[in-house]
N, C-alpha and C. Protein backbone atom coordinates (compact mmCIF):
# COMPACT_ATOMS: atom_id res chain seq x y z
N MET A 1 -27.05 -19.17 -6.29
CA MET A 1 -25.90 -19.22 -5.96
C MET A 1 -24.78 -19.08 -7.49
N PRO A 2 -24.15 -17.74 -7.77
CA PRO A 2 -23.63 -17.81 -8.92
C PRO A 2 -22.62 -19.36 -9.14
N ALA A 3 -22.29 -19.53 -10.38
CA ALA A 3 -21.61 -20.86 -10.74
C ALA A 3 -19.98 -20.59 -10.59
N LEU A 4 -19.64 -21.35 -10.10
CA LEU A 4 -17.92 -21.42 -10.29
C LEU A 4 -17.13 -21.19 -11.31
N VAL A 5 -16.58 -19.95 -11.65
CA VAL A 5 -15.57 -19.72 -12.84
C VAL A 5 -14.47 -20.56 -13.19
N ASP A 6 -14.48 -21.60 -13.93
CA ASP A 6 -13.04 -22.41 -13.99
C ASP A 6 -12.55 -21.99 -15.30
N GLN A 7 -11.19 -21.71 -15.07
CA GLN A 7 -10.78 -20.96 -16.33
C GLN A 7 -9.17 -21.21 -16.18
N THR A 8 -8.39 -21.08 -17.23
CA THR A 8 -6.93 -21.21 -17.21
C THR A 8 -6.32 -19.98 -17.38
N ILE A 9 -5.40 -19.64 -16.77
CA ILE A 9 -4.64 -18.71 -16.75
C ILE A 9 -3.32 -18.55 -17.06
N THR A 10 -2.75 -18.16 -18.48
CA THR A 10 -1.44 -18.56 -19.02
C THR A 10 -0.57 -16.93 -18.98
N VAL A 11 0.63 -16.99 -18.30
CA VAL A 11 1.49 -15.90 -18.07
C VAL A 11 2.91 -16.60 -18.42
N TYR A 12 3.69 -15.43 -18.96
CA TYR A 12 5.05 -15.16 -18.74
C TYR A 12 6.17 -15.46 -17.03
N ARG A 13 7.09 -16.06 -16.99
CA ARG A 13 8.09 -15.87 -15.94
C ARG A 13 8.32 -14.49 -15.50
N GLY A 14 7.82 -13.94 -14.85
CA GLY A 14 8.41 -12.77 -14.20
C GLY A 14 7.77 -11.54 -14.94
N GLU A 15 6.84 -11.76 -15.58
CA GLU A 15 5.66 -10.68 -16.15
C GLU A 15 5.13 -10.23 -15.04
N ALA A 16 4.60 -8.93 -15.02
CA ALA A 16 3.81 -8.70 -14.65
C ALA A 16 2.21 -8.55 -15.32
N VAL A 17 1.39 -8.78 -14.52
CA VAL A 17 0.30 -8.85 -14.83
C VAL A 17 -1.04 -8.29 -13.98
N THR A 18 -2.13 -8.02 -14.56
CA THR A 18 -3.24 -7.83 -13.93
C THR A 18 -4.58 -9.09 -14.45
N LEU A 19 -4.62 -9.38 -13.39
CA LEU A 19 -6.00 -10.59 -13.56
C LEU A 19 -6.85 -9.79 -13.39
N ASN A 20 -7.93 -9.89 -14.16
CA ASN A 20 -9.45 -9.26 -13.84
C ASN A 20 -10.57 -10.51 -13.96
N PHE A 21 -11.63 -10.48 -13.33
CA PHE A 21 -12.27 -11.28 -13.31
C PHE A 21 -13.74 -10.58 -13.29
N THR A 22 -14.82 -11.37 -13.73
CA THR A 22 -16.01 -10.91 -13.69
C THR A 22 -17.12 -11.78 -13.10
N MET A 23 -18.07 -11.75 -12.25
CA MET A 23 -18.66 -12.82 -11.61
C MET A 23 -20.20 -12.93 -12.85
N ASP A 24 -20.26 -14.40 -13.21
CA ASP A 24 -21.03 -14.70 -14.04
C ASP A 24 -22.08 -16.01 -13.46
N PRO A 25 -23.31 -15.52 -13.11
CA PRO A 25 -23.83 -14.27 -14.00
C PRO A 25 -23.59 -12.98 -12.72
N VAL A 26 -23.48 -11.99 -13.23
CA VAL A 26 -23.33 -10.71 -12.59
C VAL A 26 -24.04 -10.72 -10.95
N GLU A 27 -22.98 -10.39 -10.12
CA GLU A 27 -23.96 -10.36 -8.69
C GLU A 27 -22.99 -9.33 -7.82
N ASP A 28 -24.04 -8.06 -7.00
CA ASP A 28 -23.02 -7.11 -6.55
C ASP A 28 -22.27 -7.52 -5.85
N ILE A 29 -21.07 -7.78 -5.19
CA ILE A 29 -19.70 -8.14 -5.04
C ILE A 29 -19.27 -6.72 -3.98
N THR A 30 -19.85 -5.72 -3.85
CA THR A 30 -19.23 -4.33 -3.14
C THR A 30 -18.57 -4.69 -1.82
N THR A 31 -19.41 -5.36 -0.74
CA THR A 31 -19.06 -5.52 0.64
C THR A 31 -18.35 -7.04 0.74
N TRP A 32 -17.90 -7.64 -0.28
CA TRP A 32 -17.37 -9.01 -0.26
C TRP A 32 -15.68 -8.41 0.20
N THR A 33 -14.82 -9.86 0.47
CA THR A 33 -13.77 -9.81 0.58
C THR A 33 -13.26 -11.02 -0.04
N LEU A 34 -12.18 -11.01 -1.01
CA LEU A 34 -11.93 -11.91 -1.98
C LEU A 34 -10.22 -12.24 -1.97
N TYR A 35 -10.00 -13.10 -1.71
CA TYR A 35 -8.55 -13.67 -2.09
C TYR A 35 -7.99 -14.81 -3.12
N LEU A 36 -6.81 -14.26 -3.65
CA LEU A 36 -6.71 -15.19 -5.01
C LEU A 36 -5.46 -16.01 -3.91
N THR A 37 -5.21 -17.35 -4.42
CA THR A 37 -4.08 -18.42 -3.86
C THR A 37 -3.94 -19.02 -4.79
N ILE A 38 -2.23 -19.40 -4.89
CA ILE A 38 -1.70 -20.00 -6.13
C ILE A 38 -0.92 -21.18 -5.30
N THR A 39 -1.24 -22.48 -5.65
CA THR A 39 -0.58 -23.49 -5.11
C THR A 39 -0.04 -24.57 -6.19
N ARG A 40 0.71 -25.09 -5.94
CA ARG A 40 1.37 -26.73 -6.93
C ARG A 40 0.31 -27.06 -7.22
N GLY A 41 -0.78 -27.77 -6.64
CA GLY A 41 -1.46 -28.50 -7.61
C GLY A 41 -2.90 -28.68 -6.55
N SER A 42 -3.92 -29.22 -7.01
CA SER A 42 -5.25 -29.26 -6.42
C SER A 42 -4.91 -29.79 -5.05
N ASN A 43 -5.82 -29.46 -3.96
CA ASN A 43 -5.85 -29.75 -2.66
C ASN A 43 -4.08 -29.96 -2.13
N LYS A 44 -3.35 -29.11 -2.56
CA LYS A 44 -1.96 -28.31 -1.62
C LYS A 44 -1.88 -27.63 -0.87
N THR A 45 -1.53 -27.95 0.08
CA THR A 45 -1.25 -26.61 1.33
C THR A 45 -0.61 -25.80 1.50
N VAL A 46 0.84 -26.07 0.65
CA VAL A 46 1.36 -25.11 0.70
C VAL A 46 1.48 -24.22 -0.87
N LYS A 47 1.35 -22.90 -0.09
CA LYS A 47 1.19 -21.93 -1.02
C LYS A 47 2.06 -21.47 -1.92
N VAL A 48 2.29 -21.10 -3.17
CA VAL A 48 3.23 -20.43 -3.94
C VAL A 48 3.09 -19.08 -3.63
N LEU A 49 1.90 -18.81 -3.76
CA LEU A 49 1.33 -17.16 -3.59
C LEU A 49 0.17 -17.01 -3.31
N GLY A 50 0.00 -16.22 -2.01
CA GLY A 50 -0.93 -16.10 -1.27
C GLY A 50 -1.36 -16.46 0.04
N PRO A 51 -2.29 -16.49 0.58
CA PRO A 51 -3.76 -15.11 -0.04
C PRO A 51 -3.07 -14.16 -0.13
N LEU A 52 -3.58 -13.49 -1.62
CA LEU A 52 -3.74 -12.03 -1.57
C LEU A 52 -5.10 -11.53 -2.02
N LEU A 53 -5.08 -10.48 -1.04
CA LEU A 53 -6.13 -9.81 -1.53
C LEU A 53 -6.40 -8.95 -2.60
N MET A 54 -7.81 -9.04 -2.95
CA MET A 54 -8.32 -8.82 -4.37
C MET A 54 -8.62 -7.59 -4.27
N THR A 55 -9.04 -6.65 -5.44
CA THR A 55 -9.59 -5.47 -5.51
C THR A 55 -10.68 -5.40 -6.05
N ILE A 56 -12.02 -4.89 -5.27
CA ILE A 56 -13.29 -4.67 -6.14
C ILE A 56 -13.11 -3.69 -6.83
N VAL A 57 -13.26 -3.66 -8.32
CA VAL A 57 -13.22 -2.43 -9.43
C VAL A 57 -14.42 -1.97 -9.36
N ASN A 58 -15.54 -2.52 -9.49
CA ASN A 58 -16.81 -1.89 -9.58
C ASN A 58 -18.01 -3.30 -9.20
N GLY A 59 -18.22 -3.13 -7.83
CA GLY A 59 -19.17 -4.05 -7.06
C GLY A 59 -20.40 -4.57 -7.23
N ALA A 60 -21.09 -3.24 -8.10
CA ALA A 60 -22.44 -3.40 -8.92
C ALA A 60 -22.19 -4.28 -9.57
N ALA A 61 -21.15 -4.20 -10.88
CA ALA A 61 -20.79 -4.79 -11.58
C ALA A 61 -20.21 -6.51 -11.71
N GLY A 62 -19.95 -6.62 -10.36
CA GLY A 62 -19.14 -7.95 -10.06
C GLY A 62 -17.98 -8.06 -10.57
N THR A 63 -16.93 -7.12 -10.52
CA THR A 63 -15.84 -6.77 -11.03
C THR A 63 -14.88 -7.22 -10.32
N PHE A 64 -13.46 -7.69 -10.02
CA PHE A 64 -12.69 -7.50 -9.04
C PHE A 64 -11.49 -7.82 -10.21
N ARG A 65 -10.13 -7.44 -9.33
CA ARG A 65 -8.82 -7.76 -9.98
C ARG A 65 -7.65 -8.24 -8.82
N ARG A 66 -6.86 -8.49 -9.68
CA ARG A 66 -5.37 -8.52 -8.84
C ARG A 66 -4.21 -8.26 -9.46
N ILE A 67 -3.46 -7.30 -9.08
CA ILE A 67 -2.21 -6.78 -9.92
C ILE A 67 -1.15 -7.88 -9.39
N LEU A 68 -0.42 -9.10 -10.23
CA LEU A 68 0.97 -9.27 -9.48
C LEU A 68 2.07 -8.96 -10.03
N THR A 69 3.17 -8.71 -9.29
CA THR A 69 4.34 -8.10 -9.81
C THR A 69 5.38 -9.44 -10.78
N GLU A 70 6.56 -8.47 -11.34
CA GLU A 70 7.78 -9.38 -11.81
C GLU A 70 8.05 -10.36 -11.00
N GLU A 71 8.35 -9.84 -9.48
CA GLU A 71 8.97 -10.61 -8.53
C GLU A 71 8.13 -11.61 -8.15
N GLN A 72 6.78 -11.51 -7.86
CA GLN A 72 5.72 -12.56 -7.64
C GLN A 72 5.70 -13.56 -8.34
N LEU A 73 5.43 -13.50 -9.64
CA LEU A 73 5.86 -14.65 -10.52
C LEU A 73 7.57 -14.98 -11.33
N ASP A 74 8.26 -14.71 -10.61
CA ASP A 74 9.64 -15.10 -10.91
C ASP A 74 9.89 -16.37 -10.24
N ILE A 75 8.61 -17.37 -10.58
CA ILE A 75 8.88 -18.39 -10.04
C ILE A 75 8.99 -19.52 -11.38
N PHE A 76 9.11 -21.10 -10.83
CA PHE A 76 9.60 -21.99 -11.77
C PHE A 76 8.27 -21.86 -12.99
N PRO A 77 8.47 -22.71 -14.11
CA PRO A 77 7.82 -22.61 -15.28
C PRO A 77 7.02 -23.99 -14.71
N THR A 78 6.07 -23.65 -14.70
CA THR A 78 5.05 -25.29 -14.60
C THR A 78 3.25 -25.12 -14.88
N THR A 79 2.76 -25.86 -14.37
CA THR A 79 1.42 -25.66 -14.20
C THR A 79 0.92 -25.71 -12.36
N TYR A 80 0.39 -24.53 -12.46
CA TYR A 80 0.02 -24.63 -10.77
C TYR A 80 -1.30 -24.70 -10.59
N ARG A 81 -2.20 -24.42 -9.64
CA ARG A 81 -3.52 -24.11 -9.60
C ARG A 81 -3.79 -23.15 -8.96
N PHE A 82 -5.15 -22.49 -9.19
CA PHE A 82 -5.48 -21.23 -8.46
C PHE A 82 -6.53 -21.50 -8.17
N ASP A 83 -6.99 -20.24 -7.12
CA ASP A 83 -8.72 -20.27 -6.59
C ASP A 83 -8.82 -18.83 -6.04
N VAL A 84 -9.99 -17.92 -6.13
CA VAL A 84 -10.50 -16.81 -5.04
C VAL A 84 -11.47 -17.74 -4.92
N TRP A 85 -11.27 -16.96 -3.46
CA TRP A 85 -12.62 -17.46 -2.62
C TRP A 85 -12.77 -16.20 -1.79
N ARG A 86 -14.14 -16.16 -1.63
CA ARG A 86 -15.07 -15.29 -1.04
C ARG A 86 -14.88 -15.83 0.57
N THR A 87 -14.52 -14.68 1.47
CA THR A 87 -14.00 -14.84 2.64
C THR A 87 -14.64 -14.20 3.73
N ASP A 88 -15.63 -14.10 3.23
CA ASP A 88 -16.48 -13.33 4.50
C ASP A 88 -17.04 -14.16 5.32
N GLU A 89 -17.26 -13.78 6.72
CA GLU A 89 -17.32 -15.10 7.84
C GLU A 89 -18.90 -15.38 7.63
N GLY A 90 -19.18 -16.71 8.00
CA GLY A 90 -20.24 -17.50 7.29
C GLY A 90 -20.45 -17.57 5.77
N LEU A 91 -19.77 -16.82 4.94
CA LEU A 91 -19.86 -16.94 3.82
C LEU A 91 -18.64 -17.55 2.61
N GLU A 92 -18.06 -18.17 3.21
CA GLU A 92 -16.74 -18.86 2.46
C GLU A 92 -17.10 -19.65 1.31
N GLN A 93 -16.68 -19.05 0.13
CA GLN A 93 -16.93 -19.74 -1.20
C GLN A 93 -15.72 -19.53 -1.81
N PRO A 94 -15.76 -20.76 -2.62
CA PRO A 94 -14.91 -20.46 -4.20
C PRO A 94 -15.82 -20.09 -4.63
N LYS A 95 -14.99 -18.95 -5.86
CA LYS A 95 -15.55 -18.02 -6.99
C LYS A 95 -14.99 -18.20 -8.23
N ALA A 96 -13.63 -18.47 -8.49
CA ALA A 96 -13.15 -18.81 -9.25
C ALA A 96 -12.09 -19.94 -9.29
N ILE A 97 -11.77 -20.71 -10.16
CA ILE A 97 -10.87 -21.74 -10.18
C ILE A 97 -9.87 -22.15 -11.37
N GLY A 98 -9.14 -22.82 -11.27
CA GLY A 98 -8.26 -23.32 -12.83
C GLY A 98 -6.62 -23.64 -12.72
N ASP A 99 -6.40 -23.61 -13.84
CA ASP A 99 -4.96 -23.93 -13.80
C ASP A 99 -4.18 -22.19 -14.12
N PHE A 100 -3.10 -22.16 -13.45
CA PHE A 100 -2.34 -20.88 -13.75
C PHE A 100 -0.99 -21.22 -14.01
N ILE A 101 -0.76 -21.41 -15.46
CA ILE A 101 0.58 -21.68 -16.13
C ILE A 101 1.31 -20.30 -16.25
N ILE A 102 2.54 -20.81 -15.83
CA ILE A 102 3.79 -20.17 -16.08
C ILE A 102 4.61 -20.98 -17.16
N LEU A 103 4.99 -19.93 -18.25
CA LEU A 103 5.66 -20.14 -19.03
C LEU A 103 7.13 -19.98 -19.09
N GLY A 104 8.07 -20.27 -19.78
CA GLY A 104 9.18 -20.01 -19.73
C GLY A 104 9.87 -18.51 -19.92
N ASN A 105 10.80 -18.10 -19.85
CA ASN A 105 11.03 -16.53 -19.84
C ASN A 105 10.87 -16.14 -21.10
N SER A 106 10.67 -15.21 -21.41
CA SER A 106 9.85 -14.67 -23.06
C SER A 106 11.43 -13.90 -23.28
N ARG A 107 11.75 -13.49 -22.18
CA ARG A 107 13.01 -12.34 -22.71
C ARG A 107 14.76 -13.29 -22.28
N VAL A 108 14.83 -12.58 -23.74
CA VAL A 108 16.47 -13.45 -23.89
C VAL A 108 17.78 -12.47 -23.25
N PRO A 109 18.34 -13.26 -22.35
CA PRO A 109 19.41 -12.21 -21.82
C PRO A 109 20.15 -11.84 -23.23
N PRO A 110 20.72 -10.36 -23.25
CA PRO A 110 21.24 -9.61 -23.80
C PRO A 110 23.00 -10.76 -24.08
N VAL A 111 23.32 -10.89 -25.07
CA VAL A 111 24.79 -11.59 -25.67
C VAL A 111 25.86 -10.61 -25.23
N GLU A 112 27.01 -10.76 -24.57
CA GLU A 112 27.68 -10.14 -24.23
C GLU A 112 28.97 -10.32 -25.28
N VAL A 113 29.26 -9.12 -26.31
CA VAL A 113 30.20 -9.09 -27.48
C VAL A 113 31.97 -8.42 -26.98
N ILE A 114 32.36 -9.56 -26.78
CA ILE A 114 33.49 -9.34 -26.35
C ILE A 114 34.76 -8.78 -27.42
């Protein structure tokens, strides 16, 4: 069984991002169903986002991704936890986990000149 990928993802609040993942070691994931979930912390049942279906980019190369929009990431800046699970019947397994850090807004609102 492939190792569980533990990593940290850091983004800005309100940023649109593409999260790319690669199985390590590489495994053919062509027929898999994968979901991303973000929670307030480990072992929390309330979801901040998700479960969100992942897109298989290249099954044979073990690559998959999820695009998150500005609206989805317009959440309070703090450290959350994420996981990606394979959810095929009888094969439910975590494939990636880690911290999901939302930094404060990088954009400064325009100053109104009077």
